[in-house]
Amino acid sequence: MGAATLVLVVTAVLVVSIPAPPGVLLAIAIIGVFAAVAALGFVATRITNRAFGDSDDPEHSDPHPTQ
């Protein structure tokens, strides 16, 4: 299970299990969506850094090389 999926599942469980007014549940759901996007970005950055590293090679570090 991916990190963003896990966050969304936890958010859904919280929304279903907490007896609260609809506004509070909506706020929890919105925070859960933002947390899922943050988790997705964190994992994507980690994977990219593992694949390419922090090398000084301009071929992998500069998307628009100037020659």
PDB file of N, CA and C in Angstrom:
ATOM      1  N   MET A   1       0.849  -1.166   0.000  1.00  0.00           N
ATOM      2  CA  MET A   1       0.000   0.000   0.000  1.00  0.00           C
ATOM      3  C   MET A   1       0.898   1.233   0.000  1.00  0.00           C
ATOM      4  N   GLY A   2       0.587   2.173  -0.847  1.00  0.00           N
ATOM      5  CA  GLY A   2       1.377   3.393  -0.916  1.00  0.00           C
ATOM      6  C   GLY A   2       1.104   4.319   0.254  1.00  0.00           C
ATOM      7  N   ALA A   3       1.988   5.265   0.428  1.00  0.00           N
ATOM      8  CA  ALA A   3       1.876   6.192   1.558  1.00  0.00           C
ATOM      9  C   ALA A   3       0.613   7.048   1.457  1.00  0.00           C
ATOM     10  N   ALA A   4       0.338   7.564   0.270  1.00  0.00           N
ATOM     11  CA  ALA A   4      -0.850   8.408   0.104  1.00  0.00           C
ATOM     12  C   ALA A   4      -2.129   7.595   0.300  1.00  0.00           C
ATOM     13  N   THR A   5      -2.130   6.362  -0.179  1.00  0.00           N
ATOM     14  CA  THR A   5      -3.292   5.499   0.004  1.00  0.00           C
ATOM     15  C   THR A   5      -3.527   5.218   1.479  1.00  0.00           C
ATOM     16  N   LEU A   6      -2.447   4.964   2.193  1.00  0.00           N
ATOM     17  CA  LEU A   6      -2.558   4.711   3.627  1.00  0.00           C
ATOM     18  C   LEU A   6      -3.144   5.924   4.359  1.00  0.00           C
ATOM     19  N   VAL A   7      -2.691   7.110   3.996  1.00  0.00           N
ATOM     20  CA  VAL A   7      -3.217   8.332   4.628  1.00  0.00           C
ATOM     21  C   VAL A   7      -4.703   8.490   4.323  1.00  0.00           C
ATOM     22  N   LEU A   8      -5.103   8.222   3.088  1.00  0.00           N
ATOM     23  CA  LEU A   8      -6.520   8.349   2.731  1.00  0.00           C
ATOM     24  C   LEU A   8      -7.382   7.312   3.446  1.00  0.00           C
ATOM     25  N   VAL A   9      -6.860   6.100   3.608  1.00  0.00           N
ATOM     26  CA  VAL A   9      -7.611   5.065   4.328  1.00  0.00           C
ATOM     27  C   VAL A   9      -7.785   5.459   5.793  1.00  0.00           C
ATOM     28  N   VAL A  10      -6.712   5.941   6.411  1.00  0.00           N
ATOM     29  CA  VAL A  10      -6.799   6.385   7.809  1.00  0.00           C
ATOM     30  C   VAL A  10      -7.788   7.545   7.935  1.00  0.00           C
ATOM     31  N   THR A  11      -7.761   8.459   6.990  1.00  0.00           N
ATOM     32  CA  THR A  11      -8.696   9.585   7.009  1.00  0.00           C
ATOM     33  C   THR A  11     -10.137   9.100   6.896  1.00  0.00           C
ATOM     34  N   ALA A  12     -10.378   8.166   5.993  1.00  0.00           N
ATOM     35  CA  ALA A  12     -11.735   7.636   5.831  1.00  0.00           C
ATOM     36  C   ALA A  12     -12.210   6.938   7.100  1.00  0.00           C
ATOM     37  N   VAL A  13     -11.329   6.175   7.732  1.00  0.00           N
ATOM     38  CA  VAL A  13     -11.693   5.499   8.983  1.00  0.00           C
ATOM     39  C   VAL A  13     -12.013   6.527  10.068  1.00  0.00           C
ATOM     40  N   LEU A  14     -11.215   7.590  10.142  1.00  0.00           N
ATOM     41  CA  LEU A  14     -11.487   8.639  11.132  1.00  0.00           C
ATOM     42  C   LEU A  14     -12.833   9.309  10.886  1.00  0.00           C
ATOM     43  N   VAL A  15     -13.118   9.626   9.632  1.00  0.00           N
ATOM     44  CA  VAL A  15     -14.370  10.316   9.303  1.00  0.00           C
ATOM     45  C   VAL A  15     -15.570   9.431   9.639  1.00  0.00           C
ATOM     46  N   VAL A  16     -15.450   8.138   9.395  1.00  0.00           N
ATOM     47  CA  VAL A  16     -16.565   7.230   9.662  1.00  0.00           C
ATOM     48  C   VAL A  16     -16.731   6.966  11.151  1.00  0.00           C
ATOM     49  N   SER A  17     -15.632   6.907  11.890  1.00  0.00           N
ATOM     50  CA  SER A  17     -15.711   6.474  13.286  1.00  0.00           C
ATOM     51  C   SER A  17     -15.902   7.600  14.305  1.00  0.00           C
ATOM     52  N   ILE A  18     -15.626   8.838  13.935  1.00  0.00           N
ATOM     53  CA  ILE A  18     -15.740   9.944  14.893  1.00  0.00           C
ATOM     54  C   ILE A  18     -17.145  10.550  14.819  1.00  0.00           C
ATOM     55  N   PRO A  19     -17.859  10.552  15.944  1.00  0.00           N
ATOM     56  CA  PRO A  19     -19.169  11.217  15.952  1.00  0.00           C
ATOM     57  C   PRO A  19     -18.977  12.727  16.158  1.00  0.00           C
ATOM     58  N   ALA A  20     -19.014  13.456  15.080  1.00  0.00           N
ATOM     59  CA  ALA A  20     -18.781  14.901  15.137  1.00  0.00           C
ATOM     60  C   ALA A  20     -19.714  15.584  14.143  1.00  0.00           C
ATOM     61  N   PRO A  21     -19.854  16.894  14.275  1.00  0.00           N
ATOM     62  CA  PRO A  21     -20.672  17.646  13.311  1.00  0.00           C
ATOM     63  C   PRO A  21     -20.074  17.548  11.900  1.00  0.00           C
ATOM     64  N   PRO A  22     -20.908  17.726  10.893  1.00  0.00           N
ATOM     65  CA  PRO A  22     -20.437  17.612   9.511  1.00  0.00           C
ATOM     66  C   PRO A  22     -19.275  18.545   9.174  1.00  0.00           C
ATOM     67  N   GLY A  23     -19.250  19.733   9.747  1.00  0.00           N
ATOM     68  CA  GLY A  23     -18.159  20.672   9.467  1.00  0.00           C
ATOM     69  C   GLY A  23     -16.816  20.149   9.946  1.00  0.00           C
ATOM     70  N   VAL A  24     -16.812  19.519  11.106  1.00  0.00           N
ATOM     71  CA  VAL A  24     -15.572  18.950  11.645  1.00  0.00           C
ATOM     72  C   VAL A  24     -15.114  17.786  10.778  1.00  0.00           C
ATOM     73  N   LEU A  25     -16.056  16.951  10.358  1.00  0.00           N
ATOM     74  CA  LEU A  25     -15.710  15.817   9.503  1.00  0.00           C
ATOM     75  C   LEU A  25     -15.177  16.291   8.150  1.00  0.00           C
ATOM     76  N   LEU A  26     -15.753  17.363   7.635  1.00  0.00           N
ATOM     77  CA  LEU A  26     -15.256  17.928   6.381  1.00  0.00           C
ATOM     78  C   LEU A  26     -13.832  18.440   6.553  1.00  0.00           C
ATOM     79  N   ALA A  27     -13.565  19.101   7.666  1.00  0.00           N
ATOM     80  CA  ALA A  27     -12.210  19.596   7.933  1.00  0.00           C
ATOM     81  C   ALA A  27     -11.222  18.439   8.037  1.00  0.00           C
ATOM     82  N   ILE A  28     -11.612  17.360   8.697  1.00  0.00           N
ATOM     83  CA  ILE A  28     -10.736  16.186   8.803  1.00  0.00           C
ATOM     84  C   ILE A  28     -10.471  15.606   7.417  1.00  0.00           C
ATOM     85  N   ALA A  29     -11.503  15.527   6.586  1.00  0.00           N
ATOM     86  CA  ALA A  29     -11.339  14.989   5.238  1.00  0.00           C
ATOM     87  C   ALA A  29     -10.408  15.858   4.397  1.00  0.00           C
ATOM     88  N   ILE A  30     -10.557  17.168   4.483  1.00  0.00           N
ATOM     89  CA  ILE A  30      -9.697  18.078   3.709  1.00  0.00           C
ATOM     90  C   ILE A  30      -8.252  17.981   4.184  1.00  0.00           C
ATOM     91  N   ILE A  31      -8.056  17.931   5.490  1.00  0.00           N
ATOM     92  CA  ILE A  31      -6.697  17.775   6.024  1.00  0.00           C
ATOM     93  C   ILE A  31      -6.105  16.447   5.560  1.00  0.00           C
ATOM     94  N   GLY A  32      -6.926  15.409   5.512  1.00  0.00           N
ATOM     95  CA  GLY A  32      -6.462  14.107   5.034  1.00  0.00           C
ATOM     96  C   GLY A  32      -6.019  14.137   3.582  1.00  0.00           C
ATOM     97  N   VAL A  33      -6.757  14.859   2.749  1.00  0.00           N
ATOM     98  CA  VAL A  33      -6.364  14.973   1.333  1.00  0.00           C
ATOM     99  C   VAL A  33      -5.036  15.717   1.209  1.00  0.00           C
ATOM    100  N   PHE A  34      -4.884  16.810   1.958  1.00  0.00           N
ATOM    101  CA  PHE A  34      -3.610  17.539   1.919  1.00  0.00           C
ATOM    102  C   PHE A  34      -2.463  16.680   2.448  1.00  0.00           C
ATOM    103  N   ALA A  35      -2.721  15.900   3.486  1.00  0.00           N
ATOM    104  CA  ALA A  35      -1.688  15.014   4.027  1.00  0.00           C
ATOM    105  C   ALA A  35      -1.313  13.931   3.018  1.00  0.00           C
ATOM    106  N   ALA A  36      -2.282  13.448   2.260  1.00  0.00           N
ATOM    107  CA  ALA A  36      -1.997  12.441   1.236  1.00  0.00           C
ATOM    108  C   ALA A  36      -1.114  13.024   0.132  1.00  0.00           C
ATOM    109  N   VAL A  37      -1.404  14.239  -0.284  1.00  0.00           N
ATOM    110  CA  VAL A  37      -0.575  14.893  -1.309  1.00  0.00           C
ATOM    111  C   VAL A  37       0.836  15.126  -0.776  1.00  0.00           C
ATOM    112  N   ALA A  38       0.949  15.524   0.484  1.00  0.00           N
ATOM    113  CA  ALA A  38       2.271  15.725   1.088  1.00  0.00           C
ATOM    114  C   ALA A  38       3.041  14.414   1.161  1.00  0.00           C
ATOM    115  N   ALA A  39       2.372  13.336   1.532  1.00  0.00           N
ATOM    116  CA  ALA A  39       3.031  12.025   1.589  1.00  0.00           C
ATOM    117  C   ALA A  39       3.482  11.593   0.204  1.00  0.00           C
ATOM    118  N   LEU A  40       2.652  11.833  -0.788  1.00  0.00           N
ATOM    119  CA  LEU A  40       2.999  11.498  -2.165  1.00  0.00           C
ATOM    120  C   LEU A  40       4.233  12.268  -2.615  1.00  0.00           C
ATOM    121  N   GLY A  41       4.284  13.552  -2.323  1.00  0.00           N
ATOM    122  CA  GLY A  41       5.447  14.362  -2.692  1.00  0.00           C
ATOM    123  C   GLY A  41       6.703  13.935  -1.971  1.00  0.00           C
ATOM    124  N   PHE A  42       6.577  13.598  -0.692  1.00  0.00           N
ATOM    125  CA  PHE A  42       7.738  13.151   0.084  1.00  0.00           C
ATOM    126  C   PHE A  42       8.311  11.865  -0.489  1.00  0.00           C
ATOM    127  N   VAL A  43       7.445  10.908  -0.781  1.00  0.00           N
ATOM    128  CA  VAL A  43       7.904   9.624  -1.315  1.00  0.00           C
ATOM    129  C   VAL A  43       8.490   9.805  -2.713  1.00  0.00           C
ATOM    130  N   ALA A  44       7.867  10.622  -3.545  1.00  0.00           N
ATOM    131  CA  ALA A  44       8.386  10.849  -4.896  1.00  0.00           C
ATOM    132  C   ALA A  44       9.763  11.501  -4.854  1.00  0.00           C
ATOM    133  N   THR A  45       9.958  12.443  -3.950  1.00  0.00           N
ATOM    134  CA  THR A  45      11.263  13.093  -3.811  1.00  0.00           C
ATOM    135  C   THR A  45      12.316  12.097  -3.361  1.00  0.00           C
ATOM    136  N   ARG A  46      11.953  11.244  -2.420  1.00  0.00           N
ATOM    137  CA  ARG A  46      12.901  10.226  -1.938  1.00  0.00           C
ATOM    138  C   ARG A  46      13.303   9.264  -3.036  1.00  0.00           C
ATOM    139  N   ILE A  47      12.326   8.826  -3.823  1.00  0.00           N
ATOM    140  CA  ILE A  47      12.612   7.892  -4.909  1.00  0.00           C
ATOM    141  C   ILE A  47      13.498   8.556  -5.953  1.00  0.00           C
ATOM    142  N   THR A  48      13.209   9.807  -6.284  1.00  0.00           N
ATOM    143  CA  THR A  48      14.020  10.524  -7.268  1.00  0.00           C
ATOM    144  C   THR A  48      15.441  10.719  -6.769  1.00  0.00           C
ATOM    145  N   ASN A  49      15.602  11.090  -5.507  1.00  0.00           N
ATOM    146  CA  ASN A  49      16.948  11.267  -4.956  1.00  0.00           C
ATOM    147  C   ASN A  49      17.711   9.956  -4.915  1.00  0.00           C
ATOM    148  N   ARG A  50      17.034   8.859  -4.653  1.00  0.00           N
ATOM    149  CA  ARG A  50      17.711   7.559  -4.675  1.00  0.00           C
ATOM    150  C   ARG A  50      18.147   7.191  -6.083  1.00  0.00           C
ATOM    151  N   ALA A  51      17.308   7.506  -7.067  1.00  0.00           N
ATOM    152  CA  ALA A  51      17.613   7.134  -8.444  1.00  0.00           C
ATOM    153  C   ALA A  51      18.753   7.963  -9.019  1.00  0.00           C
ATOM    154  N   PHE A  52      18.742   9.261  -8.763  1.00  0.00           N
ATOM    155  CA  PHE A  52      19.728  10.138  -9.375  1.00  0.00           C
ATOM    156  C   PHE A  52      20.761  10.661  -8.396  1.00  0.00           C
ATOM    157  N   GLY A  53      20.468  10.637  -7.124  1.00  0.00           N
ATOM    158  CA  GLY A  53      21.407  11.128  -6.122  1.00  0.00           C
ATOM    159  C   GLY A  53      21.605  12.629  -6.228  1.00  0.00           C
ATOM    160  N   ASP A  54      22.544  13.114  -5.464  1.00  0.00           N
ATOM    161  CA  ASP A  54      22.885  14.534  -5.491  1.00  0.00           C
ATOM    162  C   ASP A  54      24.212  14.715  -6.206  1.00  0.00           C
ATOM    163  N   SER A  55      24.294  14.198  -7.419  1.00  0.00           N
ATOM    164  CA  SER A  55      25.558  14.247  -8.145  1.00  0.00           C
ATOM    165  C   SER A  55      25.771  15.619  -8.772  1.00  0.00           C
ATOM    166  N   ASP A  56      27.012  15.889  -9.137  1.00  0.00           N
ATOM    167  CA  ASP A  56      27.354  17.133  -9.818  1.00  0.00           C
ATOM    168  C   ASP A  56      27.324  16.958 -11.333  1.00  0.00           C
ATOM    169  N   ASP A  57      26.834  15.834 -11.794  1.00  0.00           N
ATOM    170  CA  ASP A  57      26.757  15.555 -13.219  1.00  0.00           C
ATOM    171  C   ASP A  57      25.679  16.441 -13.846  1.00  0.00           C
ATOM    172  N   PRO A  58      26.038  17.362 -14.753  1.00  0.00           N
ATOM    173  CA  PRO A  58      25.042  18.276 -15.327  1.00  0.00           C
ATOM    174  C   PRO A  58      23.986  17.560 -16.165  1.00  0.00           C
ATOM    175  N   GLU A  59      24.309  16.375 -16.666  1.00  0.00           N
ATOM    176  CA  GLU A  59      23.331  15.646 -17.466  1.00  0.00           C
ATOM    177  C   GLU A  59      22.116  15.243 -16.630  1.00  0.00           C
ATOM    178  N   HIS A  60      22.333  14.963 -15.347  1.00  0.00           N
ATOM    179  CA  HIS A  60      21.242  14.531 -14.486  1.00  0.00           C
ATOM    180  C   HIS A  60      20.742  15.630 -13.553  1.00  0.00           C
ATOM    181  N   SER A  61      21.459  16.707 -13.410  1.00  0.00           N
ATOM    182  CA  SER A  61      21.049  17.720 -12.442  1.00  0.00           C
ATOM    183  C   SER A  61      20.444  18.966 -13.080  1.00  0.00           C
ATOM    184  N   ASP A  62      20.666  19.196 -14.362  1.00  0.00           N
ATOM    185  CA  ASP A  62      20.165  20.404 -15.013  1.00  0.00           C
ATOM    186  C   ASP A  62      19.186  20.013 -16.116  1.00  0.00           C
ATOM    187  N   PRO A  63      17.893  20.314 -15.958  1.00  0.00           N
ATOM    188  CA  PRO A  63      16.935  19.922 -16.985  1.00  0.00           C
ATOM    189  C   PRO A  63      17.060  20.724 -18.280  1.00  0.00           C
ATOM    190  N   HIS A  64      17.658  21.908 -18.225  1.00  0.00           N
ATOM    191  CA  HIS A  64      17.838  22.736 -19.416  1.00  0.00           C
ATOM    192  C   HIS A  64      19.318  23.106 -19.546  1.00  0.00           C
ATOM    193  N   PRO A  65      20.116  22.210 -20.097  1.00  0.00           N
ATOM    194  CA  PRO A  65      21.554  22.504 -20.175  1.00  0.00           C
ATOM    195  C   PRO A  65      21.853  23.644 -21.149  1.00  0.00           C
ATOM    196  N   THR A  66      22.805  24.465 -20.791  1.00  0.00           N
ATOM    197  CA  THR A  66      23.261  25.544 -21.670  1.00  0.00           C
ATOM    198  C   THR A  66      24.654  25.196 -22.149  1.00  0.00           C
ATOM    199  N   GLN A  67      24.810  25.180 -23.459  1.00  0.00           N
ATOM    200  CA  GLN A  67      26.113  24.797 -24.011  1.00  0.00           C
ATOM    201  C   GLN A  67      26.693  25.906 -24.836  1.00  0.00           C
TER     202      GLN A  67
END
